[in-house]
Amino acid sequence: MNNLGELFRQIRISKNWSLREAARRMGISYSYLSVLEKGVDPRTGKDSNPRPDTLRLISKAYDYPYEELLKAAGYLNEPSSQENNFDLTVFISNLNLIMKGMTIEEFSEDIKRKTGYTISPKQIRSYLNGDIEPFPGTISILSNYARVTPDFWYMFNTEETLEQERKKYEENLLKSASDHFSKDYYLFTNMPEDVRRWILSEESAPYIKVAMEASRNKVNPNSLKLLIDSIIADRQEK
Protein backbone atom coordinates (compact mmCIF):
# COMPACT_ATOMS: atom_id res chain seq x y z
CA MET A 1 0.00 0.00 0.00
CA ASN A 2 1.45 3.39 -0.98
CA ASN A 3 1.12 6.53 1.14
CA LEU A 4 -1.77 7.90 -0.90
CA GLY A 5 -3.73 4.64 -0.62
CA GLU A 6 -3.15 4.57 3.12
CA LEU A 7 -4.35 8.17 3.37
CA PHE A 8 -7.58 7.29 1.52
CA ARG A 9 -8.13 4.34 3.85
CA GLN A 10 -7.49 6.39 7.00
CA ILE A 11 -9.94 9.10 5.96
CA ARG A 12 -12.64 6.56 5.08
CA ILE A 13 -12.22 4.74 8.39
CA SER A 14 -12.42 8.06 10.25
CA LYS A 15 -15.83 8.55 8.62
CA ASN A 16 -16.93 5.01 9.58
CA TRP A 17 -17.87 4.34 5.95
CA SER A 18 -17.62 1.06 4.12
CA LEU A 19 -15.93 0.93 0.72
CA ARG A 20 -19.33 0.75 -0.95
CA GLU A 21 -20.71 3.73 0.99
CA ALA A 22 -17.65 5.89 0.26
CA ALA A 23 -17.64 4.93 -3.43
CA ARG A 24 -21.36 5.69 -3.72
CA ARG A 25 -20.84 9.18 -2.31
CA MET A 26 -17.97 9.75 -4.76
CA GLY A 27 -19.83 8.40 -7.77
CA ILE A 28 -17.16 5.79 -8.56
CA SER A 29 -17.18 1.99 -8.33
CA TYR A 30 -16.23 0.45 -5.00
CA SER A 31 -13.81 -1.88 -6.80
CA TYR A 32 -11.93 1.15 -8.15
CA LEU A 33 -11.84 2.75 -4.70
CA SER A 34 -10.47 -0.54 -3.35
CA VAL A 35 -7.67 -0.38 -5.95
CA LEU A 36 -6.92 3.21 -4.93
CA GLU A 37 -6.67 2.25 -1.26
CA LYS A 38 -4.39 -0.69 -2.03
CA GLY A 39 -2.26 1.69 -4.08
CA VAL A 40 -1.49 -0.82 -6.82
CA ASP A 41 -3.36 -1.56 -10.03
CA PRO A 42 -3.58 -5.39 -10.20
CA ARG A 43 -3.70 -5.30 -14.01
CA THR A 44 -0.35 -3.53 -14.37
CA GLY A 45 1.33 -4.02 -11.01
CA LYS A 46 2.04 -0.28 -10.95
CA ASP A 47 0.94 2.42 -8.52
CA SER A 48 -2.69 3.41 -8.96
CA ASN A 49 -2.46 7.12 -9.70
CA PRO A 50 -5.89 8.79 -9.64
CA ARG A 51 -6.37 11.76 -11.94
CA PRO A 52 -7.00 15.25 -10.48
CA ASP A 53 -10.71 15.04 -11.37
CA THR A 54 -10.97 11.79 -9.36
CA LEU A 55 -9.16 13.44 -6.45
CA ARG A 56 -11.69 16.25 -6.59
CA LEU A 57 -14.54 13.73 -6.23
CA ILE A 58 -12.75 12.14 -3.27
CA SER A 59 -12.07 15.55 -1.73
CA LYS A 60 -15.72 16.55 -1.98
CA ALA A 61 -17.06 13.27 -0.59
CA TYR A 62 -14.62 13.19 2.32
CA ASP A 63 -14.68 16.97 2.92
CA TYR A 64 -10.89 16.78 2.79
CA PRO A 65 -8.65 19.56 1.38
CA TYR A 66 -8.30 19.07 -2.39
CA GLU A 67 -4.87 20.71 -2.40
CA GLU A 68 -3.62 18.22 0.19
CA LEU A 69 -4.73 15.30 -1.98
CA LEU A 70 -2.98 16.84 -4.99
CA LYS A 71 0.20 17.12 -2.92
CA ALA A 72 -0.09 13.54 -1.67
CA ALA A 73 -0.59 12.33 -5.25
CA GLY A 74 2.47 14.24 -6.46
CA TYR A 75 0.63 16.81 -8.58
CA LEU A 76 1.74 19.64 -6.32
CA ASN A 77 5.03 20.00 -4.52
CA GLU A 78 5.41 21.27 -0.99
CA PRO A 79 7.48 24.44 -0.72
CA SER A 80 11.14 23.41 -0.75
CA SER A 81 11.89 25.23 2.50
CA GLN A 82 9.38 23.07 4.41
CA GLU A 83 10.36 19.97 2.50
CA ASN A 84 14.02 20.37 3.55
CA ASN A 85 13.40 21.60 7.09
CA PHE A 86 10.84 19.13 8.39
CA ASP A 87 12.24 17.57 11.54
CA LEU A 88 10.41 14.75 13.31
CA THR A 89 11.97 15.77 16.64
CA VAL A 90 10.53 19.28 16.23
CA PHE A 91 7.15 17.83 15.28
CA ILE A 92 7.10 15.58 18.37
CA SER A 93 7.99 18.52 20.61
CA ASN A 94 5.14 20.60 19.16
CA LEU A 95 2.72 17.69 19.42
CA ASN A 96 3.48 17.36 23.13
CA LEU A 97 2.98 21.12 23.52
CA ILE A 98 -0.45 20.90 21.89
CA MET A 99 -1.50 17.87 23.96
CA LYS A 100 -0.95 19.82 27.21
CA GLY A 101 -0.94 16.79 29.49
CA MET A 102 -3.82 14.97 27.81
CA THR A 103 -3.49 11.24 27.41
CA ILE A 104 -3.12 9.93 23.87
CA GLU A 105 -6.69 8.61 23.99
CA GLU A 106 -8.06 11.94 25.25
CA PHE A 107 -6.10 13.79 22.57
CA SER A 108 -7.49 11.55 19.81
CA GLU A 109 -11.06 12.03 21.07
CA ASP A 110 -10.59 15.82 21.31
CA ILE A 111 -9.34 16.00 17.71
CA LYS A 112 -12.37 14.01 16.54
CA ARG A 113 -14.76 16.21 18.51
CA LYS A 114 -13.31 19.50 17.26
CA THR A 115 -12.47 18.67 13.62
CA GLY A 116 -14.64 15.69 12.68
CA TYR A 117 -11.53 13.72 11.65
CA THR A 118 -9.97 10.77 13.43
CA ILE A 119 -6.27 10.43 14.21
CA SER A 120 -6.18 7.15 16.07
CA PRO A 121 -4.34 6.72 19.39
CA LYS A 122 -2.12 4.14 17.64
CA GLN A 123 -1.18 6.69 15.00
CA ILE A 124 -0.47 9.41 17.59
CA ARG A 125 1.66 6.99 19.62
CA SER A 126 3.67 6.16 16.48
CA TYR A 127 4.31 9.88 15.92
CA LEU A 128 5.43 10.40 19.53
CA ASN A 129 7.73 7.36 19.30
CA GLY A 130 9.26 8.72 16.10
CA ASP A 131 8.19 5.64 14.13
CA ILE A 132 6.39 7.47 11.31
CA GLU A 133 6.12 10.97 9.82
CA PRO A 134 2.72 12.67 9.39
CA PHE A 135 0.99 13.04 6.02
CA PRO A 136 0.52 16.62 4.77
CA GLY A 137 -3.20 16.12 5.37
CA THR A 138 -2.51 15.17 8.99
CA ILE A 139 -0.55 18.40 9.42
CA SER A 140 -3.58 20.25 8.05
CA ILE A 141 -5.94 18.51 10.50
CA LEU A 142 -3.65 19.19 13.45
CA SER A 143 -3.26 22.83 12.38
CA ASN A 144 -7.03 23.30 12.28
CA TYR A 145 -7.39 21.54 15.62
CA ALA A 146 -4.68 23.58 17.36
CA ARG A 147 -5.65 26.78 15.47
CA VAL A 148 -2.13 27.39 14.25
CA THR A 149 -0.63 27.92 10.81
CA PRO A 150 1.12 24.94 9.13
CA ASP A 151 4.47 26.71 9.65
CA PHE A 152 4.07 26.02 13.38
CA TRP A 153 5.10 22.39 12.88
CA TYR A 154 8.45 23.22 11.27
CA MET A 155 10.02 25.10 14.21
CA PHE A 156 10.43 24.57 17.94
CA ASN A 157 7.71 26.35 19.91
CA THR A 158 6.95 27.43 23.45
CA GLU A 159 3.70 28.46 25.17
CA GLU A 160 4.51 32.04 24.13
CA THR A 161 5.10 31.29 20.44
CA LEU A 162 2.05 29.01 20.44
CA GLU A 163 -0.11 31.99 21.41
CA GLN A 164 1.56 34.08 18.71
CA GLU A 165 0.84 31.40 16.12
CA ARG A 166 -2.79 31.26 17.21
CA LYS A 167 -3.13 35.02 16.78
CA LYS A 168 -1.64 34.68 13.30
CA TYR A 169 -4.10 31.88 12.54
CA GLU A 170 -7.06 34.01 13.65
CA GLU A 171 -5.84 36.94 11.55
CA ASN A 172 -5.57 34.70 8.47
CA LEU A 173 -9.03 33.28 9.19
CA LEU A 174 -10.55 36.76 9.46
CA LYS A 175 -8.84 37.88 6.26
CA SER A 176 -10.09 34.83 4.40
CA ALA A 177 -13.64 35.40 5.65
CA SER A 178 -13.41 39.08 4.75
CA ASP A 179 -12.17 38.31 1.22
CA HIS A 180 -14.97 35.77 0.76
CA PHE A 181 -17.56 38.24 2.05
CA SER A 182 -16.24 41.00 -0.24
CA LYS A 183 -16.59 38.73 -3.29
CA ASP A 184 -20.13 37.68 -2.32
CA TYR A 185 -21.08 41.30 -1.60
CA TYR A 186 -19.76 42.42 -4.97
CA LEU A 187 -21.77 39.73 -6.78
CA PHE A 188 -24.91 40.63 -4.82
CA THR A 189 -24.64 44.39 -5.39
CA ASN A 190 -24.24 43.81 -9.13
CA MET A 191 -27.59 42.02 -9.39
CA PRO A 192 -30.58 43.98 -10.71
CA GLU A 193 -32.19 46.00 -7.93
CA ASP A 194 -35.55 44.21 -8.15
CA VAL A 195 -33.77 40.84 -7.81
CA ARG A 196 -31.87 42.05 -4.71
CA ARG A 197 -35.08 43.27 -3.09
CA TRP A 198 -36.81 39.98 -3.84
CA ILE A 199 -33.94 37.90 -2.38
CA LEU A 200 -33.95 39.96 0.82
CA SER A 201 -37.71 39.59 1.26
CA GLU A 202 -38.64 37.14 4.03
CA GLU A 203 -41.53 35.87 1.90
CA SER A 204 -39.08 34.75 -0.81
CA ALA A 205 -37.37 32.12 1.37
CA PRO A 206 -39.64 29.18 0.29
CA TYR A 207 -39.10 30.02 -3.38
CA ILE A 208 -35.34 30.26 -2.90
CA LYS A 209 -35.31 26.82 -1.26
CA VAL A 210 -37.22 25.36 -4.22
CA ALA A 211 -34.76 26.98 -6.63
CA MET A 212 -31.86 25.51 -4.65
CA GLU A 213 -33.43 22.06 -4.77
CA ALA A 214 -33.96 22.39 -8.52
CA SER A 215 -30.34 23.43 -9.02
CA ARG A 216 -29.06 20.63 -6.76
CA ASN A 217 -30.96 18.08 -8.83
CA LYS A 218 -29.91 19.68 -12.13
CA VAL A 219 -33.45 20.64 -13.17
CA ASN A 220 -33.15 22.86 -16.25
CA PRO A 221 -34.36 26.45 -15.56
CA ASN A 222 -36.19 26.37 -18.91
CA SER A 223 -38.22 23.39 -17.66
CA LEU A 224 -39.22 25.36 -14.58
CA LYS A 225 -40.13 28.34 -16.75
CA LEU A 226 -42.39 26.15 -18.92
CA LEU A 227 -44.09 24.76 -15.82
CA ILE A 228 -44.64 28.26 -14.42
CA ASP A 229 -46.00 29.53 -17.76
CA SER A 230 -48.35 26.55 -17.87
CA ILE A 231 -49.68 27.27 -14.37
CA ILE A 232 -50.17 30.96 -15.21
CA ALA A 233 -51.97 30.14 -18.47
CA ASP A 234 -54.23 27.67 -16.65
CA ARG A 235 -55.18 30.34 -14.11
CA GLN A 236 -55.95 32.87 -16.82
CA GLU A 237 -58.26 30.40 -18.57
CA LYS A 238 -60.19 29.88 -15.33
C-alpha atoms as a PDB file:
ATOM      1  CA  MET A   1       0.000   0.000   0.000  1.00  0.00           C
ATOM      2  CA  ASN A   2       1.447   3.388  -0.979  1.00  0.00           C
ATOM      3  CA  ASN A   3       1.122   6.525   1.144  1.00  0.00           C
ATOM      4  CA  LEU A   4      -1.772   7.904  -0.905  1.00  0.00           C
ATOM      5  CA  GLY A   5      -3.730   4.643  -0.621  1.00  0.00           C
ATOM      6  CA  GLU A   6      -3.151   4.567   3.123  1.00  0.00           C
ATOM      7  CA  LEU A   7      -4.350   8.174   3.373  1.00  0.00           C
ATOM      8  CA  PHE A   8      -7.581   7.289   1.525  1.00  0.00           C
ATOM      9  CA  ARG A   9      -8.127   4.337   3.853  1.00  0.00           C
ATOM     10  CA  GLN A  10      -7.492   6.386   7.005  1.00  0.00           C
ATOM     11  CA  ILE A  11      -9.941   9.104   5.963  1.00  0.00           C
ATOM     12  CA  ARG A  12     -12.640   6.564   5.084  1.00  0.00           C
ATOM     13  CA  ILE A  13     -12.219   4.739   8.395  1.00  0.00           C
ATOM     14  CA  SER A  14     -12.422   8.061  10.254  1.00  0.00           C
ATOM     15  CA  LYS A  15     -15.833   8.549   8.619  1.00  0.00           C
ATOM     16  CA  ASN A  16     -16.925   5.013   9.583  1.00  0.00           C
ATOM     17  CA  TRP A  17     -17.871   4.336   5.955  1.00  0.00           C
ATOM     18  CA  SER A  18     -17.615   1.058   4.122  1.00  0.00           C
ATOM     19  CA  LEU A  19     -15.928   0.930   0.723  1.00  0.00           C
ATOM     20  CA  ARG A  20     -19.330   0.753  -0.952  1.00  0.00           C
ATOM     21  CA  GLU A  21     -20.711   3.730   0.993  1.00  0.00           C
ATOM     22  CA  ALA A  22     -17.650   5.886   0.264  1.00  0.00           C
ATOM     23  CA  ALA A  23     -17.638   4.934  -3.425  1.00  0.00           C
ATOM     24  CA  ARG A  24     -21.364   5.687  -3.718  1.00  0.00           C
ATOM     25  CA  ARG A  25     -20.837   9.178  -2.314  1.00  0.00           C
ATOM     26  CA  MET A  26     -17.972   9.748  -4.764  1.00  0.00           C
ATOM     27  CA  GLY A  27     -19.834   8.400  -7.766  1.00  0.00           C
ATOM     28  CA  ILE A  28     -17.164   5.791  -8.556  1.00  0.00           C
ATOM     29  CA  SER A  29     -17.176   1.992  -8.328  1.00  0.00           C
ATOM     30  CA  TYR A  30     -16.233   0.448  -4.995  1.00  0.00           C
ATOM     31  CA  SER A  31     -13.813  -1.882  -6.799  1.00  0.00           C
ATOM     32  CA  TYR A  32     -11.934   1.147  -8.153  1.00  0.00           C
ATOM     33  CA  LEU A  33     -11.837   2.746  -4.700  1.00  0.00           C
ATOM     34  CA  SER A  34     -10.469  -0.535  -3.349  1.00  0.00           C
ATOM     35  CA  VAL A  35      -7.673  -0.377  -5.946  1.00  0.00           C
ATOM     36  CA  LEU A  36      -6.921   3.212  -4.932  1.00  0.00           C
ATOM     37  CA  GLU A  37      -6.673   2.248  -1.261  1.00  0.00           C
ATOM     38  CA  LYS A  38      -4.387  -0.690  -2.031  1.00  0.00           C
ATOM     39  CA  GLY A  39      -2.255   1.692  -4.080  1.00  0.00           C
ATOM     40  CA  VAL A  40      -1.486  -0.817  -6.816  1.00  0.00           C
ATOM     41  CA  ASP A  41      -3.356  -1.558 -10.031  1.00  0.00           C
ATOM     42  CA  PRO A  42      -3.580  -5.393 -10.198  1.00  0.00           C
ATOM     43  CA  ARG A  43      -3.697  -5.303 -14.006  1.00  0.00           C
ATOM     44  CA  THR A  44      -0.355  -3.529 -14.373  1.00  0.00           C
ATOM     45  CA  GLY A  45       1.328  -4.018 -11.005  1.00  0.00           C
ATOM     46  CA  LYS A  46       2.041  -0.280 -10.952  1.00  0.00           C
ATOM     47  CA  ASP A  47       0.940   2.416  -8.518  1.00  0.00           C
ATOM     48  CA  SER A  48      -2.690   3.412  -8.964  1.00  0.00           C
ATOM     49  CA  ASN A  49      -2.464   7.119  -9.699  1.00  0.00           C
ATOM     50  CA  PRO A  50      -5.889   8.789  -9.636  1.00  0.00           C
ATOM     51  CA  ARG A  51      -6.369  11.755 -11.936  1.00  0.00           C
ATOM     52  CA  PRO A  52      -6.995  15.247 -10.479  1.00  0.00           C
ATOM     53  CA  ASP A  53     -10.707  15.038 -11.366  1.00  0.00           C
ATOM     54  CA  THR A  54     -10.975  11.795  -9.363  1.00  0.00           C
ATOM     55  CA  LEU A  55      -9.156  13.438  -6.453  1.00  0.00           C
ATOM     56  CA  ARG A  56     -11.693  16.251  -6.590  1.00  0.00           C
ATOM     57  CA  LEU A  57     -14.542  13.733  -6.225  1.00  0.00           C
ATOM     58  CA  ILE A  58     -12.754  12.142  -3.274  1.00  0.00           C
ATOM     59  CA  SER A  59     -12.069  15.550  -1.727  1.00  0.00           C
ATOM     60  CA  LYS A  60     -15.722  16.549  -1.977  1.00  0.00           C
ATOM     61  CA  ALA A  61     -17.055  13.268  -0.595  1.00  0.00           C
ATOM     62  CA  TYR A  62     -14.624  13.194   2.323  1.00  0.00           C
ATOM     63  CA  ASP A  63     -14.677  16.971   2.919  1.00  0.00           C
ATOM     64  CA  TYR A  64     -10.891  16.779   2.793  1.00  0.00           C
ATOM     65  CA  PRO A  65      -8.652  19.564   1.378  1.00  0.00           C
ATOM     66  CA  TYR A  66      -8.297  19.068  -2.394  1.00  0.00           C
ATOM     67  CA  GLU A  67      -4.866  20.708  -2.401  1.00  0.00           C
ATOM     68  CA  GLU A  68      -3.622  18.223   0.190  1.00  0.00           C
ATOM     69  CA  LEU A  69      -4.727  15.298  -1.979  1.00  0.00           C
ATOM     70  CA  LEU A  70      -2.983  16.844  -4.986  1.00  0.00           C
ATOM     71  CA  LYS A  71       0.204  17.121  -2.921  1.00  0.00           C
ATOM     72  CA  ALA A  72      -0.089  13.540  -1.667  1.00  0.00           C
ATOM     73  CA  ALA A  73      -0.592  12.329  -5.253  1.00  0.00           C
ATOM     74  CA  GLY A  74       2.467  14.242  -6.460  1.00  0.00           C
ATOM     75  CA  TYR A  75       0.629  16.811  -8.585  1.00  0.00           C
ATOM     76  CA  LEU A  76       1.740  19.641  -6.320  1.00  0.00           C
ATOM     77  CA  ASN A  77       5.029  20.000  -4.520  1.00  0.00           C
ATOM     78  CA  GLU A  78       5.411  21.271  -0.995  1.00  0.00           C
ATOM     79  CA  PRO A  79       7.484  24.444  -0.716  1.00  0.00           C
ATOM     80  CA  SER A  80      11.138  23.407  -0.747  1.00  0.00           C
ATOM     81  CA  SER A  81      11.889  25.231   2.503  1.00  0.00           C
ATOM     82  CA  GLN A  82       9.376  23.074   4.407  1.00  0.00           C
ATOM     83  CA  GLU A  83      10.362  19.966   2.503  1.00  0.00           C
ATOM     84  CA  ASN A  84      14.016  20.366   3.555  1.00  0.00           C
ATOM     85  CA  ASN A  85      13.400  21.599   7.091  1.00  0.00           C
ATOM     86  CA  PHE A  86      10.836  19.131   8.386  1.00  0.00           C
ATOM     87  CA  ASP A  87      12.237  17.573  11.539  1.00  0.00           C
ATOM     88  CA  LEU A  88      10.412  14.753  13.307  1.00  0.00           C
ATOM     89  CA  THR A  89      11.967  15.774  16.642  1.00  0.00           C
ATOM     90  CA  VAL A  90      10.527  19.278  16.226  1.00  0.00           C
ATOM     91  CA  PHE A  91       7.146  17.831  15.277  1.00  0.00           C
ATOM     92  CA  ILE A  92       7.101  15.583  18.369  1.00  0.00           C
ATOM     93  CA  SER A  93       7.990  18.523  20.611  1.00  0.00           C
ATOM     94  CA  ASN A  94       5.138  20.601  19.161  1.00  0.00           C
ATOM     95  CA  LEU A  95       2.717  17.687  19.420  1.00  0.00           C
ATOM     96  CA  ASN A  96       3.484  17.363  23.135  1.00  0.00           C
ATOM     97  CA  LEU A  97       2.975  21.116  23.521  1.00  0.00           C
ATOM     98  CA  ILE A  98      -0.451  20.901  21.888  1.00  0.00           C
ATOM     99  CA  MET A  99      -1.497  17.867  23.956  1.00  0.00           C
ATOM    100  CA  LYS A 100      -0.952  19.817  27.206  1.00  0.00           C
ATOM    101  CA  GLY A 101      -0.936  16.794  29.495  1.00  0.00           C
ATOM    102  CA  MET A 102      -3.824  14.973  27.806  1.00  0.00           C
ATOM    103  CA  THR A 103      -3.487  11.240  27.409  1.00  0.00           C
ATOM    104  CA  ILE A 104      -3.116   9.933  23.870  1.00  0.00           C
ATOM    105  CA  GLU A 105      -6.689   8.609  23.988  1.00  0.00           C
ATOM    106  CA  GLU A 106      -8.062  11.945  25.245  1.00  0.00           C
ATOM    107  CA  PHE A 107      -6.102  13.786  22.567  1.00  0.00           C
ATOM    108  CA  SER A 108      -7.491  11.546  19.815  1.00  0.00           C
ATOM    109  CA  GLU A 109     -11.061  12.031  21.071  1.00  0.00           C
ATOM    110  CA  ASP A 110     -10.590  15.815  21.313  1.00  0.00           C
ATOM    111  CA  ILE A 111      -9.338  15.995  17.709  1.00  0.00           C
ATOM    112  CA  LYS A 112     -12.371  14.013  16.545  1.00  0.00           C
ATOM    113  CA  ARG A 113     -14.756  16.215  18.510  1.00  0.00           C
ATOM    114  CA  LYS A 114     -13.314  19.504  17.256  1.00  0.00           C
ATOM    115  CA  THR A 115     -12.468  18.666  13.625  1.00  0.00           C
ATOM    116  CA  GLY A 116     -14.636  15.686  12.678  1.00  0.00           C
ATOM    117  CA  TYR A 117     -11.527  13.721  11.646  1.00  0.00           C
ATOM    118  CA  THR A 118      -9.966  10.772  13.433  1.00  0.00           C
ATOM    119  CA  ILE A 119      -6.273  10.431  14.206  1.00  0.00           C
ATOM    120  CA  SER A 120      -6.180   7.153  16.068  1.00  0.00           C
ATOM    121  CA  PRO A 121      -4.339   6.717  19.385  1.00  0.00           C
ATOM    122  CA  LYS A 122      -2.124   4.141  17.642  1.00  0.00           C
ATOM    123  CA  GLN A 123      -1.180   6.695  15.003  1.00  0.00           C
ATOM    124  CA  ILE A 124      -0.470   9.410  17.591  1.00  0.00           C
ATOM    125  CA  ARG A 125       1.655   6.987  19.615  1.00  0.00           C
ATOM    126  CA  SER A 126       3.668   6.160  16.479  1.00  0.00           C
ATOM    127  CA  TYR A 127       4.308   9.880  15.923  1.00  0.00           C
ATOM    128  CA  LEU A 128       5.427  10.400  19.528  1.00  0.00           C
ATOM    129  CA  ASN A 129       7.731   7.356  19.300  1.00  0.00           C
ATOM    130  CA  GLY A 130       9.257   8.716  16.104  1.00  0.00           C
ATOM    131  CA  ASP A 131       8.194   5.641  14.131  1.00  0.00           C
ATOM    132  CA  ILE A 132       6.390   7.473  11.309  1.00  0.00           C
ATOM    133  CA  GLU A 133       6.118  10.967   9.820  1.00  0.00           C
ATOM    134  CA  PRO A 134       2.719  12.674   9.385  1.00  0.00           C
ATOM    135  CA  PHE A 135       0.990  13.035   6.018  1.00  0.00           C
ATOM    136  CA  PRO A 136       0.525  16.619   4.774  1.00  0.00           C
ATOM    137  CA  GLY A 137      -3.197  16.121   5.370  1.00  0.00           C
ATOM    138  CA  THR A 138      -2.507  15.165   8.993  1.00  0.00           C
ATOM    139  CA  ILE A 139      -0.553  18.403   9.423  1.00  0.00           C
ATOM    140  CA  SER A 140      -3.585  20.253   8.050  1.00  0.00           C
ATOM    141  CA  ILE A 141      -5.937  18.506  10.499  1.00  0.00           C
ATOM    142  CA  LEU A 142      -3.651  19.189  13.453  1.00  0.00           C
ATOM    143  CA  SER A 143      -3.260  22.827  12.382  1.00  0.00           C
ATOM    144  CA  ASN A 144      -7.030  23.302  12.281  1.00  0.00           C
ATOM    145  CA  TYR A 145      -7.387  21.540  15.623  1.00  0.00           C
ATOM    146  CA  ALA A 146      -4.676  23.581  17.361  1.00  0.00           C
ATOM    147  CA  ARG A 147      -5.648  26.779  15.465  1.00  0.00           C
ATOM    148  CA  VAL A 148      -2.132  27.388  14.247  1.00  0.00           C
ATOM    149  CA  THR A 149      -0.632  27.924  10.806  1.00  0.00           C
ATOM    150  CA  PRO A 150       1.119  24.943   9.135  1.00  0.00           C
ATOM    151  CA  ASP A 151       4.471  26.715   9.654  1.00  0.00           C
ATOM    152  CA  PHE A 152       4.071  26.023  13.381  1.00  0.00           C
ATOM    153  CA  TRP A 153       5.100  22.389  12.883  1.00  0.00           C
ATOM    154  CA  TYR A 154       8.450  23.225  11.265  1.00  0.00           C
ATOM    155  CA  MET A 155      10.019  25.098  14.213  1.00  0.00           C
ATOM    156  CA  PHE A 156      10.430  24.572  17.940  1.00  0.00           C
ATOM    157  CA  ASN A 157       7.713  26.354  19.915  1.00  0.00           C
ATOM    158  CA  THR A 158       6.948  27.429  23.455  1.00  0.00           C
ATOM    159  CA  GLU A 159       3.703  28.459  25.166  1.00  0.00           C
ATOM    160  CA  GLU A 160       4.506  32.035  24.130  1.00  0.00           C
ATOM    161  CA  THR A 161       5.104  31.287  20.444  1.00  0.00           C
ATOM    162  CA  LEU A 162       2.050  29.014  20.440  1.00  0.00           C
ATOM    163  CA  GLU A 163      -0.112  31.988  21.407  1.00  0.00           C
ATOM    164  CA  GLN A 164       1.561  34.085  18.708  1.00  0.00           C
ATOM    165  CA  GLU A 165       0.837  31.404  16.117  1.00  0.00           C
ATOM    166  CA  ARG A 166      -2.791  31.260  17.210  1.00  0.00           C
ATOM    167  CA  LYS A 167      -3.129  35.025  16.778  1.00  0.00           C
ATOM    168  CA  LYS A 168      -1.643  34.685  13.298  1.00  0.00           C
ATOM    169  CA  TYR A 169      -4.101  31.878  12.537  1.00  0.00           C
ATOM    170  CA  GLU A 170      -7.064  34.007  13.654  1.00  0.00           C
ATOM    171  CA  GLU A 171      -5.843  36.936  11.548  1.00  0.00           C
ATOM    172  CA  ASN A 172      -5.573  34.698   8.475  1.00  0.00           C
ATOM    173  CA  LEU A 173      -9.030  33.282   9.191  1.00  0.00           C
ATOM    174  CA  LEU A 174     -10.553  36.757   9.461  1.00  0.00           C
ATOM    175  CA  LYS A 175      -8.844  37.883   6.256  1.00  0.00           C
ATOM    176  CA  SER A 176     -10.092  34.827   4.399  1.00  0.00           C
ATOM    177  CA  ALA A 177     -13.636  35.395   5.652  1.00  0.00           C
ATOM    178  CA  SER A 178     -13.408  39.085   4.745  1.00  0.00           C
ATOM    179  CA  ASP A 179     -12.175  38.307   1.221  1.00  0.00           C
ATOM    180  CA  HIS A 180     -14.974  35.775   0.755  1.00  0.00           C
ATOM    181  CA  PHE A 181     -17.556  38.243   2.051  1.00  0.00           C
ATOM    182  CA  SER A 182     -16.236  40.997  -0.238  1.00  0.00           C
ATOM    183  CA  LYS A 183     -16.594  38.733  -3.286  1.00  0.00           C
ATOM    184  CA  ASP A 184     -20.125  37.675  -2.316  1.00  0.00           C
ATOM    185  CA  TYR A 185     -21.084  41.301  -1.595  1.00  0.00           C
ATOM    186  CA  TYR A 186     -19.755  42.418  -4.974  1.00  0.00           C
ATOM    187  CA  LEU A 187     -21.775  39.727  -6.776  1.00  0.00           C
ATOM    188  CA  PHE A 188     -24.908  40.634  -4.824  1.00  0.00           C
ATOM    189  CA  THR A 189     -24.642  44.389  -5.394  1.00  0.00           C
ATOM    190  CA  ASN A 190     -24.237  43.812  -9.131  1.00  0.00           C
ATOM    191  CA  MET A 191     -27.589  42.022  -9.389  1.00  0.00           C
ATOM    192  CA  PRO A 192     -30.583  43.980 -10.715  1.00  0.00           C
ATOM    193  CA  GLU A 193     -32.186  45.999  -7.928  1.00  0.00           C
ATOM    194  CA  ASP A 194     -35.547  44.214  -8.152  1.00  0.00           C
ATOM    195  CA  VAL A 195     -33.765  40.841  -7.807  1.00  0.00           C
ATOM    196  CA  ARG A 196     -31.869  42.046  -4.714  1.00  0.00           C
ATOM    197  CA  ARG A 197     -35.077  43.274  -3.086  1.00  0.00           C
ATOM    198  CA  TRP A 198     -36.807  39.982  -3.839  1.00  0.00           C
ATOM    199  CA  ILE A 199     -33.943  37.898  -2.381  1.00  0.00           C
ATOM    200  CA  LEU A 200     -33.948  39.955   0.820  1.00  0.00           C
ATOM    201  CA  SER A 201     -37.705  39.594   1.263  1.00  0.00           C
ATOM    202  CA  GLU A 202     -38.636  37.140   4.027  1.00  0.00           C
ATOM    203  CA  GLU A 203     -41.534  35.866   1.902  1.00  0.00           C
ATOM    204  CA  SER A 204     -39.085  34.750  -0.811  1.00  0.00           C
ATOM    205  CA  ALA A 205     -37.373  32.122   1.370  1.00  0.00           C
ATOM    206  CA  PRO A 206     -39.639  29.181   0.291  1.00  0.00           C
ATOM    207  CA  TYR A 207     -39.095  30.024  -3.375  1.00  0.00           C
ATOM    208  CA  ILE A 208     -35.338  30.262  -2.897  1.00  0.00           C
ATOM    209  CA  LYS A 209     -35.312  26.824  -1.257  1.00  0.00           C
ATOM    210  CA  VAL A 210     -37.216  25.357  -4.216  1.00  0.00           C
ATOM    211  CA  ALA A 211     -34.758  26.982  -6.627  1.00  0.00           C
ATOM    212  CA  MET A 212     -31.858  25.513  -4.648  1.00  0.00           C
ATOM    213  CA  GLU A 213     -33.429  22.059  -4.766  1.00  0.00           C
ATOM    214  CA  ALA A 214     -33.965  22.387  -8.524  1.00  0.00           C
ATOM    215  CA  SER A 215     -30.340  23.426  -9.021  1.00  0.00           C
ATOM    216  CA  ARG A 216     -29.057  20.626  -6.764  1.00  0.00           C
ATOM    217  CA  ASN A 217     -30.961  18.076  -8.830  1.00  0.00           C
ATOM    218  CA  LYS A 218     -29.907  19.682 -12.125  1.00  0.00           C
ATOM    219  CA  VAL A 219     -33.447  20.641 -13.174  1.00  0.00           C
ATOM    220  CA  ASN A 220     -33.146  22.857 -16.248  1.00  0.00           C
ATOM    221  CA  PRO A 221     -34.365  26.447 -15.563  1.00  0.00           C
ATOM    222  CA  ASN A 222     -36.188  26.365 -18.911  1.00  0.00           C
ATOM    223  CA  SER A 223     -38.223  23.391 -17.659  1.00  0.00           C
ATOM    224  CA  LEU A 224     -39.217  25.357 -14.579  1.00  0.00           C
ATOM    225  CA  LYS A 225     -40.130  28.343 -16.753  1.00  0.00           C
ATOM    226  CA  LEU A 226     -42.387  26.153 -18.917  1.00  0.00           C
ATOM    227  CA  LEU A 227     -44.094  24.765 -15.817  1.00  0.00           C
ATOM    228  CA  ILE A 228     -44.636  28.260 -14.416  1.00  0.00           C
ATOM    229  CA  ASP A 229     -45.996  29.532 -17.760  1.00  0.00           C
ATOM    230  CA  SER A 230     -48.349  26.554 -17.875  1.00  0.00           C
ATOM    231  CA  ILE A 231     -49.680  27.269 -14.367  1.00  0.00           C
ATOM    232  CA  ILE A 232     -50.170  30.957 -15.206  1.00  0.00           C
ATOM    233  CA  ALA A 233     -51.972  30.140 -18.468  1.00  0.00           C
ATOM    234  CA  ASP A 234     -54.232  27.672 -16.651  1.00  0.00           C
ATOM    235  CA  ARG A 235     -55.183  30.337 -14.110  1.00  0.00           C
ATOM    236  CA  GLN A 236     -55.953  32.868 -16.822  1.00  0.00           C
ATOM    237  CA  GLU A 237     -58.257  30.400 -18.566  1.00  0.00           C
ATOM    238  CA  LYS A 238     -60.188  29.878 -15.333  1.00  0.00           C
END
